[in-house]
């Protein structure tokens, strides 16, 4: 459920924590997707040891997406969750720990 207005408070109190990121995309060669090499340095010129994810903020939007119809199977929900986690991982590239809290 989260803490109401916590993000807004945090962003107002510490405005430098909200930053745009360069997002590398997977390449496709002859119909084969080549994943991003996350062992390379982060293109955002910031390195992180840890990434902590509140999975409730990932699970709920995957069950009830705003930009497309709701998934019809659990497989579709899990695929959406995995894609989102992969996208976050590629952006942040934690070097030591990925912590997923439910």
PDB file of N, CA and C in Angstrom:
ATOM      1  N   UNK A   1       0.820  -1.179   0.000  1.00  0.00           N
ATOM      2  CA  UNK A   1       0.000   0.000   0.000  1.00  0.00           C
ATOM      3  C   UNK A   1       0.868   1.249   0.000  1.00  0.00           C
ATOM      4  N   UNK A   2       1.920   1.264   0.735  1.00  0.00           N
ATOM      5  CA  UNK A   2       2.803   2.417   0.716  1.00  0.00           C
ATOM      6  C   UNK A   2       2.396   3.502   1.691  1.00  0.00           C
ATOM      7  N   UNK A   3       3.235   4.486   1.798  1.00  0.00           N
ATOM      8  CA  UNK A   3       2.985   5.629   2.670  1.00  0.00           C
ATOM      9  C   UNK A   3       2.483   6.770   1.784  1.00  0.00           C
ATOM     10  N   UNK A   4       1.261   7.251   2.028  1.00  0.00           N
ATOM     11  CA  UNK A   4       0.722   8.320   1.180  1.00  0.00           C
ATOM     12  C   UNK A   4       1.629   9.555   1.168  1.00  0.00           C
ATOM     13  N   UNK A   5       1.891  10.062  -0.026  1.00  0.00           N
ATOM     14  CA  UNK A   5       2.662  11.284  -0.257  1.00  0.00           C
ATOM     15  C   UNK A   5       4.132  11.181   0.175  1.00  0.00           C
ATOM     16  N   UNK A   6       4.612   9.985   0.471  1.00  0.00           N
ATOM     17  CA  UNK A   6       6.012   9.848   0.895  1.00  0.00           C
ATOM     18  C   UNK A   6       6.980  10.241  -0.223  1.00  0.00           C
ATOM     19  N   UNK A   7       6.704   9.797  -1.433  1.00  0.00           N
ATOM     20  CA  UNK A   7       7.590  10.133  -2.552  1.00  0.00           C
ATOM     21  C   UNK A   7       7.655  11.644  -2.753  1.00  0.00           C
ATOM     22  N   UNK A   8       6.505  12.298  -2.715  1.00  0.00           N
ATOM     23  CA  UNK A   8       6.475  13.747  -2.894  1.00  0.00           C
ATOM     24  C   UNK A   8       7.294  14.448  -1.806  1.00  0.00           C
ATOM     25  N   UNK A   9       7.112  14.025  -0.555  1.00  0.00           N
ATOM     26  CA  UNK A   9       7.882  14.606   0.555  1.00  0.00           C
ATOM     27  C   UNK A   9       9.378  14.399   0.341  1.00  0.00           C
ATOM     28  N   UNK A  10       9.758  13.180  -0.011  1.00  0.00           N
ATOM     29  CA  UNK A  10      11.165  12.851  -0.210  1.00  0.00           C
ATOM     30  C   UNK A  10      11.775  13.671  -1.347  1.00  0.00           C
ATOM     31  N   UNK A  11      11.055  13.770  -2.462  1.00  0.00           N
ATOM     32  CA  UNK A  11      11.554  14.522  -3.620  1.00  0.00           C
ATOM     33  C   UNK A  11      11.647  16.016  -3.337  1.00  0.00           C
ATOM     34  N   UNK A  12      10.735  16.535  -2.523  1.00  0.00           N
ATOM     35  CA  UNK A  12      10.799  17.956  -2.176  1.00  0.00           C
ATOM     36  C   UNK A  12      11.923  18.245  -1.183  1.00  0.00           C
ATOM     37  N   UNK A  13      12.132  17.351  -0.240  1.00  0.00           N
ATOM     38  CA  UNK A  13      13.176  17.543   0.772  1.00  0.00           C
ATOM     39  C   UNK A  13      14.568  17.315   0.194  1.00  0.00           C
ATOM     40  N   UNK A  14      14.697  16.352  -0.707  1.00  0.00           N
ATOM     41  CA  UNK A  14      15.986  16.002  -1.321  1.00  0.00           C
ATOM     42  C   UNK A  14      15.837  16.006  -2.843  1.00  0.00           C
ATOM     43  N   UNK A  15      15.757  17.163  -3.476  1.00  0.00           N
ATOM     44  CA  UNK A  15      15.456  17.219  -4.922  1.00  0.00           C
ATOM     45  C   UNK A  15      16.517  16.573  -5.812  1.00  0.00           C
ATOM     46  N   UNK A  16      17.732  16.416  -5.345  1.00  0.00           N
ATOM     47  CA  UNK A  16      18.778  15.814  -6.189  1.00  0.00           C
ATOM     48  C   UNK A  16      18.641  14.299  -6.334  1.00  0.00           C
ATOM     49  N   UNK A  17      17.735  13.671  -5.555  1.00  0.00           N
ATOM     50  CA  UNK A  17      17.591  12.214  -5.679  1.00  0.00           C
ATOM     51  C   UNK A  17      16.805  11.814  -6.919  1.00  0.00           C
ATOM     52  N   UNK A  18      16.036  12.723  -7.469  1.00  0.00           N
ATOM     53  CA  UNK A  18      15.247  12.427  -8.671  1.00  0.00           C
ATOM     54  C   UNK A  18      16.063  12.847  -9.887  1.00  0.00           C
ATOM     55  N   UNK A  19      16.450  11.854 -10.687  1.00  0.00           N
ATOM     56  CA  UNK A  19      17.290  12.131 -11.843  1.00  0.00           C
ATOM     57  C   UNK A  19      16.809  11.343 -13.052  1.00  0.00           C
ATOM     58  N   UNK A  20      17.020  11.913 -14.226  1.00  0.00           N
ATOM     59  CA  UNK A  20      16.763  11.180 -15.459  1.00  0.00           C
ATOM     60  C   UNK A  20      17.887  10.170 -15.668  1.00  0.00           C
ATOM     61  N   UNK A  21      17.579   9.081 -16.345  1.00  0.00           N
ATOM     62  CA  UNK A  21      18.593   8.062 -16.599  1.00  0.00           C
ATOM     63  C   UNK A  21      18.679   7.759 -18.088  1.00  0.00           C
ATOM     64  N   UNK A  22      19.845   7.311 -18.488  1.00  0.00           N
ATOM     65  CA  UNK A  22      20.040   6.788 -19.834  1.00  0.00           C
ATOM     66  C   UNK A  22      19.669   5.310 -19.758  1.00  0.00           C
ATOM     67  N   UNK A  23      18.764   4.907 -20.617  1.00  0.00           N
ATOM     68  CA  UNK A  23      18.286   3.531 -20.576  1.00  0.00           C
ATOM     69  C   UNK A  23      18.756   2.791 -21.821  1.00  0.00           C
ATOM     70  N   UNK A  24      19.668   1.853 -21.642  1.00  0.00           N
ATOM     71  CA  UNK A  24      20.136   1.049 -22.773  1.00  0.00           C
ATOM     72  C   UNK A  24      19.061   0.052 -23.166  1.00  0.00           C
ATOM     73  N   UNK A  25      18.905  -0.164 -24.448  1.00  0.00           N
ATOM     74  CA  UNK A  25      17.904  -1.093 -24.957  1.00  0.00           C
ATOM     75  C   UNK A  25      18.573  -2.395 -25.393  1.00  0.00           C
ATOM     76  N   UNK A  26      17.802  -3.494 -25.325  1.00  0.00           N
ATOM     77  CA  UNK A  26      18.306  -4.748 -25.867  1.00  0.00           C
ATOM     78  C   UNK A  26      18.388  -4.605 -27.378  1.00  0.00           C
ATOM     79  N   UNK A  27      19.360  -5.272 -27.975  1.00  0.00           N
ATOM     80  CA  UNK A  27      19.486  -5.255 -29.436  1.00  0.00           C
ATOM     81  C   UNK A  27      18.873  -6.527 -29.994  1.00  0.00           C
ATOM     82  N   UNK A  28      18.424  -6.447 -31.232  1.00  0.00           N
ATOM     83  CA  UNK A  28      17.887  -7.625 -31.895  1.00  0.00           C
ATOM     84  C   UNK A  28      18.670  -7.838 -33.177  1.00  0.00           C
ATOM     85  N   UNK A  29      19.284  -9.023 -33.280  1.00  0.00           N
ATOM     86  CA  UNK A  29      20.069  -9.381 -34.456  1.00  0.00           C
ATOM     87  C   UNK A  29      19.499 -10.676 -35.025  1.00  0.00           C
ATOM     88  N   UNK A  30      19.033 -10.611 -36.248  1.00  0.00           N
ATOM     89  CA  UNK A  30      18.431 -11.764 -36.927  1.00  0.00           C
ATOM     90  C   UNK A  30      17.321 -12.403 -36.095  1.00  0.00           C
ATOM     91  N   UNK A  31      16.507 -11.558 -35.457  1.00  0.00           N
ATOM     92  CA  UNK A  31      15.389 -12.053 -34.667  1.00  0.00           C
ATOM     93  C   UNK A  31      15.746 -12.555 -33.284  1.00  0.00           C
ATOM     94  N   UNK A  32      17.024 -12.454 -32.910  1.00  0.00           N
ATOM     95  CA  UNK A  32      17.472 -12.909 -31.589  1.00  0.00           C
ATOM     96  C   UNK A  32      17.754 -11.682 -30.731  1.00  0.00           C
ATOM     97  N   UNK A  33      17.100 -11.606 -29.553  1.00  0.00           N
ATOM     98  CA  UNK A  33      17.326 -10.479 -28.652  1.00  0.00           C
ATOM     99  C   UNK A  33      18.643 -10.669 -27.901  1.00  0.00           C
ATOM    100  N   UNK A  34      19.473  -9.652 -27.946  1.00  0.00           N
ATOM    101  CA  UNK A  34      20.749  -9.655 -27.236  1.00  0.00           C
ATOM    102  C   UNK A  34      20.575  -8.766 -26.008  1.00  0.00           C
ATOM    103  N   UNK A  35      20.669  -9.343 -24.803  1.00  0.00           N
ATOM    104  CA  UNK A  35      20.456  -8.525 -23.604  1.00  0.00           C
ATOM    105  C   UNK A  35      21.581  -7.517 -23.389  1.00  0.00           C
ATOM    106  N   UNK A  36      21.284  -6.494 -22.592  1.00  0.00           N
ATOM    107  CA  UNK A  36      22.270  -5.481 -22.238  1.00  0.00           C
ATOM    108  C   UNK A  36      23.305  -6.123 -21.315  1.00  0.00           C
ATOM    109  N   UNK A  37      24.577  -5.828 -21.553  1.00  0.00           N
ATOM    110  CA  UNK A  37      25.656  -6.348 -20.709  1.00  0.00           C
ATOM    111  C   UNK A  37      25.750  -5.487 -19.455  1.00  0.00           C
ATOM    112  N   UNK A  38      25.161  -5.968 -18.352  1.00  0.00           N
ATOM    113  CA  UNK A  38      25.131  -5.191 -17.117  1.00  0.00           C
ATOM    114  C   UNK A  38      26.439  -5.244 -16.345  1.00  0.00           C
ATOM    115  N   UNK A  39      27.405  -5.998 -16.838  1.00  0.00           N
ATOM    116  CA  UNK A  39      28.716  -6.010 -16.171  1.00  0.00           C
ATOM    117  C   UNK A  39      29.549  -4.796 -16.575  1.00  0.00           C
ATOM    118  N   UNK A  40      29.131  -4.117 -17.643  1.00  0.00           N
ATOM    119  CA  UNK A  40      29.829  -2.900 -18.073  1.00  0.00           C
ATOM    120  C   UNK A  40      29.465  -1.750 -17.142  1.00  0.00           C
ATOM    121  N   UNK A  41      30.250  -0.667 -17.160  1.00  0.00           N
ATOM    122  CA  UNK A  41      29.921   0.488 -16.312  1.00  0.00           C
ATOM    123  C   UNK A  41      28.549   1.063 -16.647  1.00  0.00           C
ATOM    124  N   UNK A  42      27.925   1.616 -15.639  1.00  0.00           N
ATOM    125  CA  UNK A  42      26.615   2.224 -15.808  1.00  0.00           C
ATOM    126  C   UNK A  42      26.740   3.451 -16.714  1.00  0.00           C
ATOM    127  N   UNK A  43      25.931   3.545 -17.773  1.00  0.00           N
ATOM    128  CA  UNK A  43      26.037   4.684 -18.692  1.00  0.00           C
ATOM    129  C   UNK A  43      25.626   6.009 -18.047  1.00  0.00           C
ATOM    130  N   UNK A  44      25.049   5.958 -16.865  1.00  0.00           N
ATOM    131  CA  UNK A  44      24.633   7.163 -16.155  1.00  0.00           C
ATOM    132  C   UNK A  44      25.744   7.739 -15.289  1.00  0.00           C
ATOM    133  N   UNK A  45      26.931   7.135 -15.368  1.00  0.00           N
ATOM    134  CA  UNK A  45      28.102   7.575 -14.615  1.00  0.00           C
ATOM    135  C   UNK A  45      27.882   7.564 -13.110  1.00  0.00           C
ATOM    136  N   UNK A  46      27.028   6.644 -12.638  1.00  0.00           N
ATOM    137  CA  UNK A  46      26.814   6.418 -11.213  1.00  0.00           C
ATOM    138  C   UNK A  46      26.805   4.918 -10.990  1.00  0.00           C
ATOM    139  N   UNK A  47      27.514   4.473  -9.986  1.00  0.00           N
ATOM    140  CA  UNK A  47      27.530   3.051  -9.668  1.00  0.00           C
ATOM    141  C   UNK A  47      26.811   2.829  -8.345  1.00  0.00           C
ATOM    142  N   UNK A  48      26.125   1.711  -8.243  1.00  0.00           N
ATOM    143  CA  UNK A  48      25.347   1.389  -7.046  1.00  0.00           C
ATOM    144  C   UNK A  48      25.709  -0.009  -6.569  1.00  0.00           C
ATOM    145  N   UNK A  49      25.823  -0.167  -5.260  1.00  0.00           N
ATOM    146  CA  UNK A  49      26.066  -1.479  -4.680  1.00  0.00           C
ATOM    147  C   UNK A  49      24.776  -2.277  -4.563  1.00  0.00           C
ATOM    148  N   UNK A  50      23.688  -1.610  -4.180  1.00  0.00           N
ATOM    149  CA  UNK A  50      22.451  -2.314  -3.853  1.00  0.00           C
ATOM    150  C   UNK A  50      21.256  -1.696  -4.565  1.00  0.00           C
ATOM    151  N   UNK A  51      20.253  -2.546  -4.833  1.00  0.00           N
ATOM    152  CA  UNK A  51      18.965  -2.097  -5.339  1.00  0.00           C
ATOM    153  C   UNK A  51      17.891  -2.779  -4.500  1.00  0.00           C
ATOM    154  N   UNK A  52      17.063  -1.973  -3.849  1.00  0.00           N
ATOM    155  CA  UNK A  52      15.979  -2.479  -3.010  1.00  0.00           C
ATOM    156  C   UNK A  52      14.654  -2.186  -3.700  1.00  0.00           C
ATOM    157  N   UNK A  53      13.855  -3.220  -3.931  1.00  0.00           N
ATOM    158  CA  UNK A  53      12.578  -3.068  -4.625  1.00  0.00           C
ATOM    159  C   UNK A  53      11.420  -3.413  -3.694  1.00  0.00           C
ATOM    160  N   UNK A  54      10.412  -2.550  -3.668  1.00  0.00           N
ATOM    161  CA  UNK A  54       9.148  -2.844  -3.004  1.00  0.00           C
ATOM    162  C   UNK A  54       8.278  -3.540  -4.054  1.00  0.00           C
ATOM    163  N   UNK A  55       8.163  -4.833  -3.958  1.00  0.00           N
ATOM    164  CA  UNK A  55       7.484  -5.603  -4.993  1.00  0.00           C
ATOM    165  C   UNK A  55       5.995  -5.280  -5.098  1.00  0.00           C
ATOM    166  N   UNK A  56       5.387  -4.746  -4.037  1.00  0.00           N
ATOM    167  CA  UNK A  56       3.976  -4.355  -4.141  1.00  0.00           C
ATOM    168  C   UNK A  56       3.798  -3.285  -5.209  1.00  0.00           C
ATOM    169  N   UNK A  57       4.781  -2.411  -5.342  1.00  0.00           N
ATOM    170  CA  UNK A  57       4.723  -1.368  -6.357  1.00  0.00           C
ATOM    171  C   UNK A  57       4.969  -1.893  -7.760  1.00  0.00           C
ATOM    172  N   UNK A  58       5.385  -3.141  -7.873  1.00  0.00           N
ATOM    173  CA  UNK A  58       5.598  -3.780  -9.174  1.00  0.00           C
ATOM    174  C   UNK A  58       4.451  -4.746  -9.486  1.00  0.00           C
ATOM    175  N   UNK A  59       4.049  -5.521  -8.497  1.00  0.00           N
ATOM    176  CA  UNK A  59       3.012  -6.538  -8.700  1.00  0.00           C
ATOM    177  C   UNK A  59       1.672  -5.898  -9.062  1.00  0.00           C
ATOM    178  N   UNK A  60       1.240  -4.906  -8.287  1.00  0.00           N
ATOM    179  CA  UNK A  60      -0.085  -4.309  -8.511  1.00  0.00           C
ATOM    180  C   UNK A  60      -0.244  -3.734  -9.924  1.00  0.00           C
ATOM    181  N   UNK A  61       0.710  -2.905 -10.418  1.00  0.00           N
ATOM    182  CA  UNK A  61       0.534  -2.390 -11.781  1.00  0.00           C
ATOM    183  C   UNK A  61       0.587  -3.470 -12.862  1.00  0.00           C
ATOM    184  N   UNK A  62       1.211  -4.596 -12.563  1.00  0.00           N
ATOM    185  CA  UNK A  62       1.231  -5.682 -13.552  1.00  0.00           C
ATOM    186  C   UNK A  62      -0.122  -6.384 -13.621  1.00  0.00           C
ATOM    187  N   UNK A  63      -0.859  -6.433 -12.504  1.00  0.00           N
ATOM    188  CA  UNK A  63      -2.212  -6.993 -12.509  1.00  0.00           C
ATOM    189  C   UNK A  63      -3.220  -6.005 -13.080  1.00  0.00           C
ATOM    190  N   UNK A  64      -2.997  -4.706 -12.847  1.00  0.00           N
ATOM    191  CA  UNK A  64      -3.941  -3.673 -13.271  1.00  0.00           C
ATOM    192  C   UNK A  64      -3.209  -2.573 -14.041  1.00  0.00           C
ATOM    193  N   UNK A  65      -2.717  -2.882 -15.256  1.00  0.00           N
ATOM    194  CA  UNK A  65      -1.981  -1.864 -16.024  1.00  0.00           C
ATOM    195  C   UNK A  65      -2.899  -0.744 -16.491  1.00  0.00           C
ATOM    196  N   UNK A  66      -2.332   0.459 -16.566  1.00  0.00           N
ATOM    197  CA  UNK A  66      -3.118   1.614 -17.011  1.00  0.00           C
ATOM    198  C   UNK A  66      -3.068   1.794 -18.529  1.00  0.00           C
ATOM    199  N   UNK A  67      -2.042   1.232 -19.177  1.00  0.00           N
ATOM    200  CA  UNK A  67      -1.845   1.493 -20.604  1.00  0.00           C
ATOM    201  C   UNK A  67      -2.240   0.336 -21.516  1.00  0.00           C
ATOM    202  N   UNK A  68      -2.826  -0.702 -20.956  1.00  0.00           N
ATOM    203  CA  UNK A  68      -3.248  -1.843 -21.770  1.00  0.00           C
ATOM    204  C   UNK A  68      -4.270  -2.672 -20.979  1.00  0.00           C
ATOM    205  N   UNK A  69      -4.923  -3.641 -21.619  1.00  0.00           N
ATOM    206  CA  UNK A  69      -5.892  -4.468 -20.896  1.00  0.00           C
ATOM    207  C   UNK A  69      -5.214  -5.315 -19.819  1.00  0.00           C
ATOM    208  N   UNK A  70      -5.973  -5.677 -18.815  1.00  0.00           N
ATOM    209  CA  UNK A  70      -5.439  -6.532 -17.742  1.00  0.00           C
ATOM    210  C   UNK A  70      -5.034  -7.882 -18.319  1.00  0.00           C
ATOM    211  N   UNK A  71      -3.986  -8.484 -17.770  1.00  0.00           N
ATOM    212  CA  UNK A  71      -3.559  -9.799 -18.265  1.00  0.00           C
ATOM    213  C   UNK A  71      -4.629 -10.850 -17.990  1.00  0.00           C
ATOM    214  N   UNK A  72      -4.673 -11.849 -18.847  1.00  0.00           N
ATOM    215  CA  UNK A  72      -5.693 -12.893 -18.700  1.00  0.00           C
ATOM    216  C   UNK A  72      -5.155 -14.145 -18.013  1.00  0.00           C
ATOM    217  N   UNK A  73      -3.838 -14.248 -17.878  1.00  0.00           N
ATOM    218  CA  UNK A  73      -3.247 -15.419 -17.212  1.00  0.00           C
ATOM    219  C   UNK A  73      -2.163 -14.964 -16.237  1.00  0.00           C
ATOM    220  N   UNK A  74      -1.859 -15.828 -15.289  1.00  0.00           N
ATOM    221  CA  UNK A  74      -0.775 -15.543 -14.354  1.00  0.00           C
ATOM    222  C   UNK A  74       0.568 -15.492 -15.076  1.00  0.00           C
ATOM    223  N   UNK A  75       0.705 -16.272 -16.132  1.00  0.00           N
ATOM    224  CA  UNK A  75       1.948 -16.240 -16.908  1.00  0.00           C
ATOM    225  C   UNK A  75       2.201 -14.840 -17.471  1.00  0.00           C
ATOM    226  N   UNK A  76       1.143 -14.188 -17.951  1.00  0.00           N
ATOM    227  CA  UNK A  76       1.286 -12.824 -18.473  1.00  0.00           C
ATOM    228  C   UNK A  76       1.678 -11.850 -17.361  1.00  0.00           C
ATOM    229  N   UNK A  77       1.108 -12.034 -16.170  1.00  0.00           N
ATOM    230  CA  UNK A  77       1.444 -11.176 -15.030  1.00  0.00           C
ATOM    231  C   UNK A  77       2.913 -11.347 -14.663  1.00  0.00           C
ATOM    232  N   UNK A  78       3.357 -12.590 -14.563  1.00  0.00           N
ATOM    233  CA  UNK A  78       4.748 -12.841 -14.195  1.00  0.00           C
ATOM    234  C   UNK A  78       5.709 -12.332 -15.264  1.00  0.00           C
ATOM    235  N   UNK A  79       5.331 -12.466 -16.526  1.00  0.00           N
ATOM    236  CA  UNK A  79       6.173 -11.943 -17.610  1.00  0.00           C
ATOM    237  C   UNK A  79       6.311 -10.425 -17.490  1.00  0.00           C
ATOM    238  N   UNK A  80       5.216  -9.754 -17.179  1.00  0.00           N
ATOM    239  CA  UNK A  80       5.236  -8.305 -16.972  1.00  0.00           C
ATOM    240  C   UNK A  80       6.144  -7.939 -15.793  1.00  0.00           C
ATOM    241  N   UNK A  81       6.025  -8.685 -14.692  1.00  0.00           N
ATOM    242  CA  UNK A  81       6.865  -8.426 -13.510  1.00  0.00           C
ATOM    243  C   UNK A  81       8.344  -8.630 -13.836  1.00  0.00           C
ATOM    244  N   UNK A  82       8.665  -9.724 -14.502  1.00  0.00           N
ATOM    245  CA  UNK A  82      10.060 -10.016 -14.840  1.00  0.00           C
ATOM    246  C   UNK A  82      10.630  -8.945 -15.768  1.00  0.00           C
ATOM    247  N   UNK A  83       9.828  -8.516 -16.746  1.00  0.00           N
ATOM    248  CA  UNK A  83      10.291  -7.471 -17.670  1.00  0.00           C
ATOM    249  C   UNK A  83      10.578  -6.177 -16.927  1.00  0.00           C
ATOM    250  N   UNK A  84       9.710  -5.818 -15.982  1.00  0.00           N
ATOM    251  CA  UNK A  84       9.891  -4.571 -15.231  1.00  0.00           C
ATOM    252  C   UNK A  84      11.115  -4.644 -14.323  1.00  0.00           C
ATOM    253  N   UNK A  85      11.301  -5.782 -13.647  1.00  0.00           N
ATOM    254  CA  UNK A  85      12.475  -5.953 -12.787  1.00  0.00           C
ATOM    255  C   UNK A  85      13.747  -5.907 -13.628  1.00  0.00           C
ATOM    256  N   UNK A  86      13.731  -6.570 -14.776  1.00  0.00           N
ATOM    257  CA  UNK A  86      14.897  -6.533 -15.671  1.00  0.00           C
ATOM    258  C   UNK A  86      15.201  -5.111 -16.110  1.00  0.00           C
ATOM    259  N   UNK A  87      14.155  -4.353 -16.425  1.00  0.00           N
ATOM    260  CA  UNK A  87      14.354  -2.960 -16.870  1.00  0.00           C
ATOM    261  C   UNK A  87      14.991  -2.124 -15.764  1.00  0.00           C
ATOM    262  N   UNK A  88      14.491  -2.264 -14.538  1.00  0.00           N
ATOM    263  CA  UNK A  88      15.077  -1.533 -13.408  1.00  0.00           C
ATOM    264  C   UNK A  88      16.520  -1.958 -13.167  1.00  0.00           C
ATOM    265  N   UNK A  89      16.779  -3.252 -13.261  1.00  0.00           N
ATOM    266  CA  UNK A  89      18.132  -3.772 -13.026  1.00  0.00           C
ATOM    267  C   UNK A  89      19.118  -3.200 -14.042  1.00  0.00           C
ATOM    268  N   UNK A  90      18.709  -3.133 -15.304  1.00  0.00           N
ATOM    269  CA  UNK A  90      19.584  -2.601 -16.352  1.00  0.00           C
ATOM    270  C   UNK A  90      19.857  -1.113 -16.127  1.00  0.00           C
ATOM    271  N   UNK A  91      18.871  -0.376 -15.634  1.00  0.00           N
ATOM    272  CA  UNK A  91      19.073   1.053 -15.370  1.00  0.00           C
ATOM    273  C   UNK A  91      20.020   1.289 -14.198  1.00  0.00           C
ATOM    274  N   UNK A  92      19.853   0.512 -13.116  1.00  0.00           N
ATOM    275  CA  UNK A  92      20.617   0.753 -11.887  1.00  0.00           C
ATOM    276  C   UNK A  92      21.936  -0.028 -11.873  1.00  0.00           C
ATOM    277  N   UNK A  93      21.908  -1.270 -12.305  1.00  0.00           N
ATOM    278  CA  UNK A  93      23.079  -2.158 -12.312  1.00  0.00           C
ATOM    279  C   UNK A  93      23.730  -2.304 -10.939  1.00  0.00           C
ATOM    280  N   UNK A  94      22.981  -2.822  -9.965  1.00  0.00           N
ATOM    281  CA  UNK A  94      23.579  -3.004  -8.645  1.00  0.00           C
ATOM    282  C   UNK A  94      24.708  -4.031  -8.713  1.00  0.00           C
ATOM    283  N   UNK A  95      25.775  -3.754  -8.001  1.00  0.00           N
ATOM    284  CA  UNK A  95      26.967  -4.608  -8.060  1.00  0.00           C
ATOM    285  C   UNK A  95      27.001  -5.697  -7.009  1.00  0.00           C
ATOM    286  N   UNK A  96      26.241  -5.530  -5.916  1.00  0.00           N
ATOM    287  CA  UNK A  96      26.317  -6.517  -4.840  1.00  0.00           C
ATOM    288  C   UNK A  96      24.997  -7.196  -4.512  1.00  0.00           C
ATOM    289  N   UNK A  97      23.903  -6.441  -4.495  1.00  0.00           N
ATOM    290  CA  UNK A  97      22.667  -6.981  -3.943  1.00  0.00           C
ATOM    291  C   UNK A  97      21.437  -6.476  -4.688  1.00  0.00           C
ATOM    292  N   UNK A  98      20.527  -7.389  -4.985  1.00  0.00           N
ATOM    293  CA  UNK A  98      19.178  -7.056  -5.447  1.00  0.00           C
ATOM    294  C   UNK A  98      18.240  -7.608  -4.388  1.00  0.00           C
ATOM    295  N   UNK A  99      17.543  -6.723  -3.672  1.00  0.00           N
ATOM    296  CA  UNK A  99      16.672  -7.115  -2.570  1.00  0.00           C
ATOM    297  C   UNK A  99      15.233  -6.833  -2.973  1.00  0.00           C
ATOM    298  N   UNK A 100      14.403  -7.882  -2.973  1.00  0.00           N
ATOM    299  CA  UNK A 100      13.013  -7.731  -3.355  1.00  0.00           C
ATOM    300  C   UNK A 100      12.135  -8.010  -2.138  1.00  0.00           C
ATOM    301  N   UNK A 101      11.476  -6.955  -1.644  1.00  0.00           N
ATOM    302  CA  UNK A 101      10.617  -7.072  -0.462  1.00  0.00           C
ATOM    303  C   UNK A 101       9.173  -7.139  -0.891  1.00  0.00           C
ATOM    304  N   UNK A 102       8.434  -8.083  -0.288  1.00  0.00           N
ATOM    305  CA  UNK A 102       7.019  -8.224  -0.595  1.00  0.00           C
ATOM    306  C   UNK A 102       6.219  -7.822   0.636  1.00  0.00           C
TER     307      UNK A 102
END
